[in-house]
Amino acid sequence: MTEPAPTPVTPTAVTPTRDPRISYDAGTYALRLGDDALVLAQRMGEWVASAPQLEEDVALANIALDLLGQARPLLSYAGSLLPGADGAARSEDELAYLRDERDFTNVQLVELADNGDFGRCVARLLVFSAWQQELYASLAGASDDTLAAVAAKAVKEAAYHRDHATQWVLRLGDGTAESHQRMQAAVDAVWPYVEELFEPDAVTSSLAAVGVAVDPASLRDPVLGYVSAVLERATLAVPSTRVRHSGGRHGIHTEAIGHLLAELQHVARSHPGASW
């Protein structure tokens, strides 16, 4: 069972002496990580009442809540650094519910539809949580107090998510002939979206240089090393495909995100300004 959802981290005020460009990039970086967590939380929540067993319904719901708990402070912090057109800070709800798909900056991996394939669910979780665990372990030492605080709380959750996915990949990969074949197909399906996790750009490069962010390229070896070792133990092959999909960080997404956001945002957009 996962740990209780962490207490939300209150975003710190922007230091007056901070370079405005660094503040803007930090907001962009927080938005990316928040979008990753929010979108995957939605995907994981779709499995509640559809998982292979009752205990797994509960486990996946808890993972979804963990991810949502990470998304909230990240989006709130991003909104404080990336104000709206009126110059006012944007709330986490505004960023979650009132943006269009081209405004979302999550990697494409997290938005992929599972289409009822539990193997795809755990294959994606294995890769993403392995990446997140390495990212947050490094980000916990960041010079940005808010990002460091979020990372310090989330790294333990990511480790649990990684372990949970690992156990399922081992169970299915080294199980029956059918479960092995289906698990291999699931790994093959998500693999073209893996490399996007490690792509650096101007934002991450500038922030990594001042200790605010982690260079994503530095995570590639430890993440793929872990995932490859799990696949080997599960008698699964590391896919050799050269196809690489990317663009999510810059608003280029698969068609799957449109359907996901329609569900995620329906109530908020149908009843603007409502409160409960």
Protein backbone atom coordinates (compact mmCIF):
# COMPACT_ATOMS: atom_id res chain seq x y z
CA MET A 1 0.00 0.00 0.00
CA THR A 2 1.31 3.44 -0.86
CA GLU A 3 1.97 6.09 1.73
CA PRO A 4 -0.71 8.75 2.43
CA ALA A 5 -0.75 11.67 0.01
CA PRO A 6 1.83 14.27 1.05
CA THR A 7 0.91 17.62 2.51
CA PRO A 8 0.78 20.12 -0.38
CA VAL A 9 3.93 22.18 -0.70
CA THR A 10 3.22 25.90 -0.61
CA PRO A 11 5.04 27.67 -3.45
CA THR A 12 7.66 30.09 -2.20
CA ALA A 13 7.77 33.67 -3.34
CA VAL A 14 10.03 34.46 -6.26
CA THR A 15 13.31 35.89 -5.00
CA PRO A 16 13.48 39.58 -6.06
CA THR A 17 17.10 39.26 -7.20
CA ARG A 18 16.43 36.21 -9.36
CA ASP A 19 17.01 36.60 -13.07
CA PRO A 20 13.53 36.99 -14.66
CA ARG A 21 14.54 34.58 -17.40
CA ILE A 22 15.44 31.92 -14.84
CA SER A 23 12.10 32.47 -13.09
CA TYR A 24 10.22 32.06 -16.37
CA ASP A 25 12.15 28.91 -17.24
CA ALA A 26 11.57 27.53 -13.73
CA GLY A 27 7.85 28.07 -14.23
CA THR A 28 8.01 26.26 -17.56
CA TYR A 29 9.91 23.39 -15.96
CA ALA A 30 7.44 23.10 -13.08
CA LEU A 31 4.58 23.15 -15.59
CA ARG A 32 6.12 20.27 -17.54
CA LEU A 33 6.56 18.10 -14.45
CA GLY A 34 3.10 19.01 -13.21
CA ASP A 35 1.53 18.15 -16.55
CA ASP A 36 3.34 14.79 -16.59
CA ALA A 37 1.93 13.92 -13.17
CA LEU A 38 -1.58 15.26 -13.85
CA VAL A 39 -2.04 13.45 -17.16
CA LEU A 40 -0.71 10.13 -15.86
CA ALA A 41 -2.90 10.48 -12.75
CA GLN A 42 -5.89 10.65 -15.07
CA ARG A 43 -4.74 7.60 -17.01
CA MET A 44 -4.11 5.56 -13.86
CA GLY A 45 -7.49 6.54 -12.44
CA GLU A 46 -9.17 5.06 -15.50
CA TRP A 47 -8.19 1.59 -14.24
CA VAL A 48 -10.17 1.81 -11.02
CA ALA A 49 -12.81 -0.96 -11.15
CA SER A 50 -11.13 -2.37 -14.29
CA ALA A 51 -7.87 -3.78 -12.90
CA PRO A 52 -7.22 -7.56 -12.81
CA GLN A 53 -8.12 -7.82 -9.12
CA LEU A 54 -9.69 -5.76 -6.35
CA GLU A 55 -6.40 -5.08 -4.58
CA GLU A 56 -5.02 -3.70 -7.82
CA ASP A 57 -7.96 -1.29 -8.13
CA VAL A 58 -6.92 0.15 -4.78
CA ALA A 59 -3.21 0.19 -5.63
CA LEU A 60 -3.71 2.01 -8.92
CA ALA A 61 -6.09 4.49 -7.30
CA ASN A 62 -3.41 5.26 -4.71
CA ILE A 63 -0.78 5.72 -7.41
CA ALA A 64 -3.13 8.10 -9.22
CA LEU A 65 -3.63 10.07 -6.01
CA ASP A 66 0.12 10.22 -5.42
CA LEU A 67 0.61 11.66 -8.89
CA LEU A 68 -2.20 14.14 -8.39
CA GLY A 69 -0.60 15.17 -5.10
CA GLN A 70 2.63 15.89 -7.01
CA ALA A 71 0.84 17.80 -9.76
CA ARG A 72 -0.89 20.25 -7.44
CA PRO A 73 2.13 22.07 -5.95
CA LEU A 74 3.96 21.94 -9.29
CA LEU A 75 1.07 23.54 -11.17
CA SER A 76 0.50 26.07 -8.39
CA TYR A 77 4.17 27.04 -8.51
CA ALA A 78 4.11 27.24 -12.29
CA GLY A 79 1.07 29.52 -12.12
CA SER A 80 2.89 31.89 -9.76
CA LEU A 81 5.82 32.19 -12.19
CA LEU A 82 3.84 32.18 -15.44
CA PRO A 83 1.02 34.71 -14.93
CA GLY A 84 -1.92 35.01 -17.29
CA ALA A 85 -2.57 37.73 -19.84
CA ASP A 86 -3.87 40.01 -17.07
CA GLY A 87 -0.62 39.68 -15.14
CA ALA A 88 -2.25 37.75 -12.28
CA ALA A 89 -0.98 34.41 -11.04
CA ARG A 90 -2.88 31.39 -12.36
CA SER A 91 -4.24 28.76 -10.01
CA GLU A 92 -3.64 25.04 -10.29
CA ASP A 93 -7.29 24.63 -11.31
CA GLU A 94 -6.93 27.14 -14.16
CA LEU A 95 -3.89 25.31 -15.47
CA ALA A 96 -5.51 21.89 -15.12
CA TYR A 97 -8.96 22.65 -16.45
CA LEU A 98 -8.82 25.71 -18.69
CA ARG A 99 -5.93 25.03 -21.06
CA ASP A 100 -6.26 23.46 -24.49
CA GLU A 101 -4.22 20.44 -25.52
CA ARG A 102 -1.55 22.47 -27.35
CA ASP A 103 -0.86 24.27 -24.05
CA PHE A 104 -0.03 21.05 -22.21
CA THR A 105 3.67 20.23 -21.96
CA ASN A 106 3.68 16.61 -20.77
CA VAL A 107 5.69 13.93 -22.54
CA GLN A 108 3.63 11.84 -24.92
CA LEU A 109 4.34 8.66 -22.96
CA VAL A 110 1.94 9.56 -20.15
CA GLU A 111 -1.01 10.34 -22.40
CA LEU A 112 -1.04 7.09 -24.36
CA ALA A 113 -4.36 5.26 -24.13
CA ASP A 114 -4.14 1.74 -22.68
CA ASN A 115 -7.25 0.53 -24.56
CA GLY A 116 -7.92 -2.00 -21.82
CA ASP A 117 -4.42 -3.51 -22.02
CA PHE A 118 -3.09 -3.84 -18.47
CA GLY A 119 0.34 -4.75 -19.84
CA ARG A 120 0.63 -1.32 -21.43
CA CYS A 121 -0.39 0.28 -18.15
CA VAL A 122 2.39 -1.38 -16.17
CA ALA A 123 5.00 -1.08 -18.96
CA ARG A 124 4.44 2.66 -19.08
CA LEU A 125 4.44 2.92 -15.29
CA LEU A 126 7.72 1.02 -15.10
CA VAL A 127 9.49 3.40 -17.47
CA PHE A 128 7.94 6.59 -16.14
CA SER A 129 8.38 5.80 -12.44
CA ALA A 130 11.99 4.71 -13.02
CA TRP A 131 12.58 8.07 -14.70
CA GLN A 132 10.70 9.99 -12.03
CA GLN A 133 12.56 8.28 -9.20
CA GLU A 134 15.95 9.23 -10.67
CA LEU A 135 14.74 12.74 -11.49
CA TYR A 136 13.37 13.48 -8.03
CA ALA A 137 16.37 11.96 -6.27
CA SER A 138 18.54 14.52 -8.08
CA LEU A 139 16.03 17.38 -7.96
CA ALA A 140 15.77 17.11 -4.17
CA GLY A 141 19.12 18.92 -4.07
CA ALA A 142 18.04 21.71 -6.43
CA SER A 143 18.75 25.34 -5.64
CA ASP A 144 15.05 26.13 -6.10
CA ASP A 145 13.45 25.56 -2.69
CA THR A 146 9.98 24.74 -4.00
CA LEU A 147 11.12 22.23 -6.61
CA ALA A 148 13.49 20.65 -4.09
CA ALA A 149 10.68 20.31 -1.52
CA VAL A 150 8.30 18.70 -4.02
CA ALA A 151 11.03 16.29 -5.13
CA ALA A 152 11.96 15.33 -1.58
CA LYS A 153 8.36 14.29 -0.88
CA ALA A 154 7.71 12.64 -4.24
CA VAL A 155 10.85 10.53 -4.54
CA LYS A 156 9.54 7.97 -2.03
CA GLU A 157 6.27 7.68 -3.92
CA ALA A 158 8.10 7.22 -7.22
CA ALA A 159 10.16 4.42 -5.67
CA TYR A 160 6.97 2.64 -4.61
CA HIS A 161 5.42 3.10 -8.07
CA ARG A 162 8.56 1.71 -9.67
CA ASP A 163 8.54 -1.33 -7.40
CA HIS A 164 4.85 -1.95 -8.04
CA ALA A 165 5.32 -1.84 -11.80
CA THR A 166 8.43 -4.01 -11.54
CA GLN A 167 6.56 -6.78 -9.75
CA TRP A 168 3.82 -6.83 -12.39
CA VAL A 169 6.26 -6.84 -15.32
CA LEU A 170 8.14 -9.76 -13.76
CA ARG A 171 4.91 -11.61 -13.03
CA LEU A 172 3.51 -11.18 -16.54
CA GLY A 173 6.73 -11.42 -18.51
CA ASP A 174 7.89 -14.60 -16.83
CA GLY A 175 4.42 -16.11 -16.55
CA THR A 176 2.47 -18.07 -19.10
CA ALA A 177 3.23 -18.09 -22.82
CA GLU A 178 0.28 -15.77 -23.42
CA SER A 179 1.15 -13.33 -20.63
CA HIS A 180 4.75 -13.23 -21.89
CA GLN A 181 3.66 -12.46 -25.45
CA ARG A 182 1.23 -9.76 -24.35
CA MET A 183 3.74 -8.17 -21.99
CA GLN A 184 6.35 -8.05 -24.73
CA ALA A 185 3.83 -6.44 -27.07
CA ALA A 186 3.07 -3.86 -24.39
CA VAL A 187 6.74 -2.98 -23.94
CA ASP A 188 7.13 -2.73 -27.72
CA ALA A 189 4.15 -0.35 -27.88
CA VAL A 190 5.47 2.14 -25.31
CA TRP A 191 9.13 2.02 -26.29
CA PRO A 192 8.98 4.60 -29.15
CA TYR A 193 7.94 7.19 -26.55
CA VAL A 194 10.75 6.55 -24.06
CA GLU A 195 13.54 8.71 -25.51
CA GLU A 196 11.51 11.90 -25.14
CA LEU A 197 12.08 11.67 -21.38
CA PHE A 198 15.79 12.29 -21.91
CA GLU A 199 15.71 15.10 -24.49
CA PRO A 200 17.39 18.31 -23.28
CA ASP A 201 16.42 21.71 -24.61
CA ALA A 202 17.17 25.37 -23.93
CA VAL A 203 14.97 25.43 -20.81
CA THR A 204 16.47 22.42 -19.05
CA SER A 205 20.00 23.34 -20.13
CA SER A 206 19.77 26.86 -18.70
CA LEU A 207 18.21 25.66 -15.45
CA ALA A 208 20.60 22.74 -15.00
CA ALA A 209 23.50 25.17 -15.36
CA VAL A 210 22.35 27.08 -12.25
CA GLY A 211 21.24 24.04 -10.25
CA VAL A 212 17.48 24.59 -10.61
CA ALA A 213 16.76 21.56 -12.81
CA VAL A 214 18.25 18.21 -13.76
CA ASP A 215 19.74 17.63 -17.19
CA PRO A 216 17.37 14.99 -18.62
CA ALA A 217 20.16 13.41 -20.67
CA SER A 218 21.97 12.55 -17.42
CA LEU A 219 19.04 10.31 -16.42
CA ARG A 220 19.13 8.10 -19.49
CA ASP A 221 21.74 5.55 -18.38
CA PRO A 222 20.42 4.90 -14.85
CA VAL A 223 16.80 4.76 -15.99
CA LEU A 224 17.34 2.49 -18.98
CA GLY A 225 19.79 0.44 -16.94
CA TYR A 226 17.11 -0.27 -14.37
CA VAL A 227 14.36 -0.92 -16.90
CA SER A 228 16.57 -3.18 -19.03
CA ALA A 229 17.52 -5.23 -15.97
CA VAL A 230 13.84 -5.71 -15.11
CA LEU A 231 13.02 -6.76 -18.67
CA GLU A 232 15.86 -9.27 -18.64
CA ARG A 233 14.63 -10.80 -15.38
CA ALA A 234 11.15 -10.96 -16.88
CA THR A 235 12.54 -12.81 -19.93
CA LEU A 236 11.51 -9.88 -22.13
CA ALA A 237 13.58 -8.27 -24.87
CA VAL A 238 14.52 -4.61 -24.94
CA PRO A 239 12.88 -3.32 -28.14
CA SER A 240 15.23 -2.42 -30.97
CA THR A 241 12.90 0.04 -32.72
CA ARG A 242 14.43 3.23 -34.08
CA VAL A 243 11.08 5.05 -34.08
CA ARG A 244 11.11 7.95 -31.65
CA HIS A 245 8.09 10.12 -30.95
CA SER A 246 8.51 13.49 -29.26
CA GLY A 247 7.13 17.02 -29.16
CA GLY A 248 5.02 16.83 -26.03
CA ARG A 249 7.17 19.37 -24.21
CA HIS A 250 6.28 21.85 -26.95
CA GLY A 251 2.58 21.09 -27.20
CA ILE A 252 2.69 18.42 -29.90
CA HIS A 253 0.60 15.48 -28.74
CA THR A 254 -1.04 12.26 -29.85
CA GLU A 255 -4.75 12.17 -30.59
CA ALA A 256 -5.24 10.40 -27.26
CA ILE A 257 -4.83 13.56 -25.21
CA GLY A 258 -7.91 15.19 -26.68
CA HIS A 259 -10.16 12.44 -25.33
CA LEU A 260 -8.35 12.46 -21.99
CA LEU A 261 -8.76 16.22 -21.53
CA ALA A 262 -12.41 16.06 -22.54
CA GLU A 263 -13.05 13.84 -19.54
CA LEU A 264 -10.67 15.63 -17.19
CA GLN A 265 -12.03 19.11 -17.93
CA HIS A 266 -15.70 18.44 -18.64
CA VAL A 267 -17.23 19.50 -15.32
CA ALA A 268 -15.05 22.59 -14.87
CA ARG A 269 -15.74 23.82 -18.41
CA SER A 270 -19.46 23.00 -18.21
CA HIS A 271 -19.88 24.96 -14.97
CA PRO A 272 -17.34 27.82 -15.08
CA GLY A 273 -16.74 29.47 -11.73
CA ALA A 274 -18.67 26.85 -9.78
CA SER A 275 -17.46 25.81 -6.35
CA TRP A 276 -18.29 22.93 -4.02
